Amino acid sequence: MRDCSTGLCDPFSSPPDRGVAPHRYRQSARRKIVLSPGVVHASLGVVVTCALLLATPSYAQANKPAVTSNAPAKKPQVKVAALSEWEEAVNAFKYQDFDNAIPKLRKLIYPKPRLGRKREWRAREYLAAALWWSGKKPLALDEFTALLVRNPQSRLDPAYYPPQMIKDFAQQRANLIRLGVIKRNQKARPGKQVSHAAPPALALSLFPFGVGQFANRETVKGIAFLTTEVALAATSTALYAYNRDLGVQGKKSDSAQVWQLSTGTIFWAVAAWGVVDAVLGRRAIAAEIVRAARRGHP
């Protein structure tokens, strides 16, 4: 019988049925309240996962409460500073203070442009003009190249710039078009300009008759080498045929043989000169393309 005199019935005072011994019933009942190892491991895994998640910086940063601040954002400050420096550089340029204008303009576009696209073009134009007026023509041509790579339709206003500067600018633009760095009717595009220009094949420079010059788009040189070599080759061939006919007839002309050997020698000398000139011209084209690409990607 169960003892319920204290108001609380002891479930282990007597077995629920007669077929089970009291001590076995106690053991079976106690096993029911013991957690299995799988449950313990799963609980520990959840706890560890939550702890690692809370310790992750990205999670903590994402759940970090926003902190309000009255300080202005950094990006507008940089933009305002760049505009202020732009105005100072423009004033120095317009007052022809090129010693101060050149470093100020360079600071605005190198190593990375800090202005809008149109202001960047104008800054490169001013920098090139300041360098040109300062007597640094090669550097000015480099800046003209950088400007034309970004905006092939750029033009210099003849009301502000001298005729010689405009002529140099037009010549540089013509060179870039000839090299294939830019196209004549190419429009400006946002972002970096990628040039697919490449020098002509080296094998073309090894042919005589001005082939290498025509490949390098040096038409005047190509015509000169072509006409000269054709004339020399034709003269030497004609003299050879004449001397051969004389030999068949049992005759001989010393002067004709001398002229034949002379024209043949001059032909091969001119052909070798044309090959060397074509190779050097191709090398200059390759260097100019690389230089223009570098100026186009500061």
Protein backbone atom coordinates (compact mmCIF):
# COMPACT_ATOMS: atom_id res chain seq x y z
CA MET A 1 0.00 0.00 0.00
CA ARG A 2 1.15 3.63 -0.69
CA ASP A 3 1.94 5.88 2.26
CA CYS A 4 -0.03 9.13 1.76
CA SER A 5 -0.16 10.21 5.39
CA THR A 6 2.03 13.25 4.74
CA GLY A 7 -0.14 14.43 1.86
CA LEU A 8 2.46 13.45 -0.73
CA CYS A 9 2.29 10.02 -2.18
CA ASP A 10 5.63 8.37 -2.74
CA PRO A 11 5.52 6.84 -6.23
CA PHE A 12 8.23 4.39 -5.23
CA SER A 13 6.48 3.10 -2.07
CA SER A 14 4.83 0.27 -3.94
CA PRO A 15 4.99 -1.02 -7.48
CA PRO A 16 2.15 -0.20 -9.88
CA ASP A 17 1.57 -3.87 -10.57
CA ARG A 18 2.47 -7.08 -8.89
CA GLY A 19 4.72 -8.43 -11.62
CA VAL A 20 7.53 -5.85 -11.15
CA ALA A 21 9.88 -5.76 -8.20
CA PRO A 22 10.16 -2.43 -6.32
CA HIS A 23 13.91 -1.92 -6.97
CA ARG A 24 13.52 -2.60 -10.72
CA TYR A 25 10.67 -0.12 -10.93
CA ARG A 26 12.80 2.55 -9.25
CA GLN A 27 15.65 1.98 -11.76
CA SER A 28 13.33 2.08 -14.78
CA ALA A 29 11.65 5.27 -13.55
CA ARG A 30 15.00 6.95 -12.87
CA ARG A 31 16.21 6.12 -16.40
CA LYS A 32 13.30 8.12 -17.83
CA ILE A 33 14.56 11.40 -16.34
CA VAL A 34 18.20 10.91 -17.44
CA LEU A 35 19.13 12.82 -20.68
CA SER A 36 20.57 10.72 -23.46
CA PRO A 37 24.11 11.49 -24.73
CA GLY A 38 22.74 12.55 -28.16
CA VAL A 39 20.52 15.22 -26.59
CA VAL A 40 23.42 16.51 -24.50
CA HIS A 41 25.71 16.74 -27.50
CA ALA A 42 23.04 18.50 -29.56
CA SER A 43 22.44 21.03 -26.79
CA LEU A 44 26.15 21.72 -26.44
CA GLY A 45 26.43 22.16 -30.21
CA VAL A 46 23.66 24.75 -30.22
CA VAL A 47 25.28 26.65 -27.36
CA VAL A 48 28.71 26.66 -29.01
CA THR A 49 27.21 27.74 -32.34
CA CYS A 50 25.39 30.66 -30.74
CA ALA A 51 28.56 31.70 -28.90
CA LEU A 52 30.63 31.64 -32.08
CA LEU A 53 27.96 33.56 -33.96
CA LEU A 54 27.86 36.27 -31.34
CA ALA A 55 31.64 36.46 -31.36
CA THR A 56 31.84 36.93 -35.15
CA PRO A 57 32.82 40.54 -35.99
CA SER A 58 30.47 40.80 -38.97
CA TYR A 59 27.51 39.65 -36.88
CA ALA A 60 28.43 41.97 -34.07
CA GLN A 61 28.88 44.85 -36.49
CA ALA A 62 25.56 44.11 -38.18
CA ASN A 63 23.71 44.05 -34.89
CA LYS A 64 25.60 46.98 -33.41
CA PRO A 65 23.28 49.87 -32.71
CA ALA A 66 23.73 52.83 -35.02
CA VAL A 67 25.64 55.73 -33.53
CA THR A 68 24.44 59.09 -34.64
CA SER A 69 27.06 61.74 -35.23
CA ASN A 70 26.92 65.31 -36.32
CA ALA A 71 30.26 65.05 -38.16
CA PRO A 72 29.94 65.46 -41.96
CA ALA A 73 30.70 62.53 -44.25
CA LYS A 74 34.22 62.21 -45.62
CA LYS A 75 33.28 61.89 -49.28
CA PRO A 76 31.69 65.36 -49.56
CA GLN A 77 34.75 66.80 -47.81
CA VAL A 78 37.07 65.27 -50.41
CA LYS A 79 34.90 66.58 -53.25
CA VAL A 80 34.79 70.08 -51.81
CA ALA A 81 38.56 70.00 -51.28
CA ALA A 82 39.11 68.89 -54.87
CA LEU A 83 36.90 71.68 -56.20
CA SER A 84 38.76 74.19 -54.08
CA GLU A 85 42.11 72.95 -55.40
CA TRP A 86 40.69 73.03 -58.92
CA GLU A 87 39.77 76.69 -58.59
CA GLU A 88 43.24 77.51 -57.26
CA ALA A 89 44.90 75.65 -60.13
CA VAL A 90 42.70 77.37 -62.73
CA ASN A 91 43.46 80.80 -61.26
CA ALA A 92 47.18 80.07 -61.30
CA PHE A 93 46.96 78.92 -64.92
CA LYS A 94 44.94 81.93 -66.08
CA TYR A 95 47.39 84.31 -64.40
CA GLN A 96 50.20 82.40 -66.17
CA ASP A 97 51.74 81.30 -62.91
CA PHE A 98 52.80 78.01 -64.46
CA ASP A 99 55.27 77.11 -61.71
CA ASN A 100 52.34 76.81 -59.29
CA ALA A 101 49.72 75.70 -61.80
CA ILE A 102 51.63 72.61 -62.99
CA PRO A 103 51.96 70.86 -59.58
CA LYS A 104 48.40 71.80 -58.63
CA LEU A 105 46.97 70.37 -61.84
CA ARG A 106 49.07 67.23 -61.55
CA LYS A 107 47.82 66.68 -58.03
CA LEU A 108 44.24 66.75 -59.27
CA ILE A 109 44.69 64.05 -61.93
CA TYR A 110 47.55 61.87 -60.66
CA PRO A 111 47.78 59.16 -59.47
CA LYS A 112 43.99 59.04 -59.79
CA PRO A 113 41.67 61.75 -61.09
CA ARG A 114 39.77 63.53 -58.34
CA LEU A 115 37.51 65.52 -60.62
CA GLY A 116 34.58 64.83 -62.86
CA ARG A 117 35.19 63.64 -66.37
CA LYS A 118 34.85 67.02 -68.11
CA ARG A 119 36.91 68.82 -65.49
CA GLU A 120 39.55 66.10 -65.81
CA TRP A 121 39.77 66.75 -69.55
CA ARG A 122 40.10 70.47 -68.96
CA ALA A 123 42.74 69.89 -66.27
CA ARG A 124 44.80 67.80 -68.71
CA GLU A 125 44.44 70.46 -71.35
CA TYR A 126 45.60 73.17 -68.96
CA LEU A 127 48.48 71.00 -67.73
CA ALA A 128 49.67 70.31 -71.27
CA ALA A 129 49.42 73.98 -72.19
CA ALA A 130 51.30 75.04 -69.05
CA LEU A 131 54.07 72.55 -69.82
CA TRP A 132 54.22 73.73 -73.42
CA TRP A 133 54.52 77.37 -72.38
CA SER A 134 57.17 76.39 -69.83
CA GLY A 135 59.35 74.95 -72.60
CA LYS A 136 58.70 71.29 -71.69
CA LYS A 137 57.34 70.19 -75.04
CA PRO A 138 57.87 66.38 -74.65
CA LEU A 139 55.91 66.40 -71.39
CA ALA A 140 53.25 68.54 -73.01
CA LEU A 141 52.89 66.02 -75.83
CA ASP A 142 52.50 63.27 -73.24
CA GLU A 143 49.63 65.14 -71.65
CA PHE A 144 48.08 65.81 -75.05
CA THR A 145 48.27 62.06 -75.64
CA ALA A 146 46.57 61.34 -72.32
CA LEU A 147 43.82 63.82 -73.19
CA LEU A 148 43.26 62.42 -76.68
CA VAL A 149 43.14 58.83 -75.46
CA ARG A 150 40.29 59.78 -73.12
CA ASN A 151 38.58 62.23 -75.46
CA PRO A 152 39.66 61.79 -79.10
CA GLN A 153 37.46 64.71 -80.18
CA SER A 154 39.32 67.24 -78.03
CA ARG A 155 40.23 70.50 -79.73
CA LEU A 156 42.24 73.54 -78.66
CA ASP A 157 40.55 76.91 -78.90
CA PRO A 158 42.57 79.17 -81.23
CA ALA A 159 41.32 82.18 -79.32
CA TYR A 160 43.31 81.10 -76.23
CA TYR A 161 46.27 79.12 -77.55
CA PRO A 162 49.02 80.05 -80.03
CA PRO A 163 49.04 78.56 -83.56
CA GLN A 164 52.18 76.51 -82.94
CA MET A 165 50.63 74.78 -79.90
CA ILE A 166 47.52 73.99 -81.91
CA LYS A 167 49.71 72.63 -84.69
CA ASP A 168 51.61 70.39 -82.24
CA PHE A 169 48.33 69.16 -80.78
CA ALA A 170 46.93 68.36 -84.24
CA GLN A 171 50.15 66.57 -85.17
CA GLN A 172 49.99 64.45 -82.03
CA ARG A 173 46.38 63.56 -82.77
CA ALA A 174 47.32 62.60 -86.34
CA ASN A 175 50.13 60.38 -85.02
CA LEU A 176 47.77 58.59 -82.64
CA ILE A 177 45.29 58.04 -85.46
CA ARG A 178 48.07 56.73 -87.71
CA LEU A 179 49.23 54.33 -85.01
CA GLY A 180 45.69 53.10 -84.43
CA VAL A 181 45.59 54.24 -80.80
CA ILE A 182 42.48 56.33 -81.46
CA LYS A 183 40.04 56.59 -84.34
CA ARG A 184 39.27 59.71 -86.31
CA ASN A 185 35.57 59.78 -85.43
CA GLN A 186 35.83 58.03 -82.08
CA LYS A 187 33.70 59.49 -79.33
CA ALA A 188 34.68 59.86 -75.72
CA ARG A 189 33.58 57.06 -73.44
CA PRO A 190 33.34 56.98 -69.66
CA GLY A 191 35.90 55.00 -67.71
CA LYS A 192 39.25 53.73 -68.88
CA GLN A 193 39.98 53.67 -72.58
CA VAL A 194 41.38 50.35 -73.74
CA SER A 195 43.40 50.55 -76.93
CA HIS A 196 43.71 47.45 -79.09
CA ALA A 197 46.33 49.03 -81.36
CA ALA A 198 49.34 46.91 -82.21
CA PRO A 199 52.43 47.44 -84.35
CA PRO A 200 52.54 45.77 -87.78
CA ALA A 201 53.93 42.28 -88.14
CA LEU A 202 57.69 42.08 -87.95
CA ALA A 203 57.82 39.88 -91.07
CA LEU A 204 56.52 42.77 -93.18
CA SER A 205 59.56 44.83 -92.22
CA LEU A 206 61.89 42.24 -93.79
CA PHE A 207 60.59 42.70 -97.34
CA PRO A 208 62.18 45.16 -99.79
CA PHE A 209 60.40 47.60 -102.13
CA GLY A 210 59.02 49.68 -99.24
CA VAL A 211 56.71 46.98 -97.87
CA GLY A 212 57.79 47.67 -94.29
CA GLN A 213 57.29 51.41 -94.72
CA PHE A 214 53.79 50.94 -96.12
CA ALA A 215 53.01 48.60 -93.19
CA ASN A 216 54.19 51.31 -90.79
CA ARG A 217 51.91 53.79 -92.61
CA GLU A 218 54.85 55.82 -93.81
CA THR A 219 53.54 56.33 -97.33
CA VAL A 220 56.14 58.85 -98.51
CA LYS A 221 59.03 56.63 -97.43
CA GLY A 222 57.35 53.60 -98.93
CA ILE A 223 56.97 55.28 -102.33
CA ALA A 224 60.59 56.48 -102.23
CA PHE A 225 61.99 53.02 -101.48
CA LEU A 226 59.64 51.37 -103.98
CA THR A 227 60.55 53.60 -106.93
CA THR A 228 64.28 53.57 -106.14
CA GLU A 229 64.53 49.82 -105.77
CA VAL A 230 62.38 49.12 -108.82
CA ALA A 231 64.52 51.46 -110.93
CA LEU A 232 67.76 49.89 -109.71
CA ALA A 233 66.46 46.35 -110.13
CA ALA A 234 65.18 47.09 -113.66
CA THR A 235 68.46 48.73 -114.69
CA SER A 236 70.59 45.91 -113.32
CA THR A 237 68.36 43.29 -114.99
CA ALA A 238 68.48 45.08 -118.33
CA LEU A 239 72.25 45.37 -118.19
CA TYR A 240 72.50 41.68 -117.33
CA ALA A 241 70.42 40.75 -120.36
CA TYR A 242 72.51 43.07 -122.55
CA ASN A 243 75.79 41.60 -121.33
CA ARG A 244 74.46 38.07 -121.85
CA ASP A 245 73.51 38.84 -125.44
CA LEU A 246 76.96 40.28 -126.02
CA GLY A 247 78.49 37.12 -124.60
CA VAL A 248 76.43 35.00 -127.00
CA GLN A 249 77.75 37.08 -129.87
CA GLY A 250 81.30 36.73 -128.57
CA LYS A 251 81.52 40.36 -127.58
CA LYS A 252 82.17 42.08 -124.26
CA SER A 253 81.45 45.50 -122.75
CA ASP A 254 83.41 46.40 -119.65
CA SER A 255 81.40 49.53 -118.95
CA ALA A 256 78.10 47.61 -119.14
CA GLN A 257 79.39 45.01 -116.70
CA VAL A 258 80.55 47.72 -114.31
CA TRP A 259 77.16 49.40 -114.45
CA GLN A 260 75.42 46.09 -113.95
CA LEU A 261 77.45 45.29 -110.85
CA SER A 262 77.10 48.85 -109.55
CA THR A 263 73.32 49.02 -109.91
CA GLY A 264 72.94 45.55 -108.41
CA THR A 265 75.11 46.47 -105.43
CA ILE A 266 73.25 49.74 -104.90
CA PHE A 267 69.92 47.87 -105.11
CA TRP A 268 70.88 45.48 -102.31
CA ALA A 269 72.26 48.35 -100.24
CA VAL A 270 69.02 50.31 -100.59
CA ALA A 271 66.98 47.18 -99.84
CA ALA A 272 68.98 46.57 -96.67
CA TRP A 273 68.54 50.22 -95.70
CA GLY A 274 64.79 49.90 -96.23
CA VAL A 275 64.60 46.81 -94.03
CA VAL A 276 66.56 48.47 -91.21
CA ASP A 277 64.44 51.61 -91.49
CA ALA A 278 61.23 49.55 -91.39
CA VAL A 279 62.36 47.62 -88.31
CA LEU A 280 63.33 50.82 -86.49
CA GLY A 281 60.05 52.43 -87.51
CA ARG A 282 58.09 49.47 -86.21
CA ARG A 283 60.00 49.65 -82.92
CA ALA A 284 59.15 53.35 -82.61
CA ILE A 285 55.49 52.61 -83.29
CA ALA A 286 55.42 49.90 -80.61
CA ALA A 287 57.07 52.25 -78.10
CA GLU A 288 54.60 55.02 -78.94
CA ILE A 289 51.63 52.68 -78.52
CA VAL A 290 52.89 51.53 -75.11
CA ARG A 291 53.56 55.10 -74.11
CA ALA A 292 50.10 56.21 -75.17
CA ALA A 293 48.52 53.28 -73.31
CA ARG A 294 50.39 54.20 -70.15
CA ARG A 295 49.38 57.84 -70.42
CA GLY A 296 45.83 56.67 -71.00
CA HIS A 297 45.82 54.60 -67.75
CA PRO A 298 47.46 56.61 -64.96
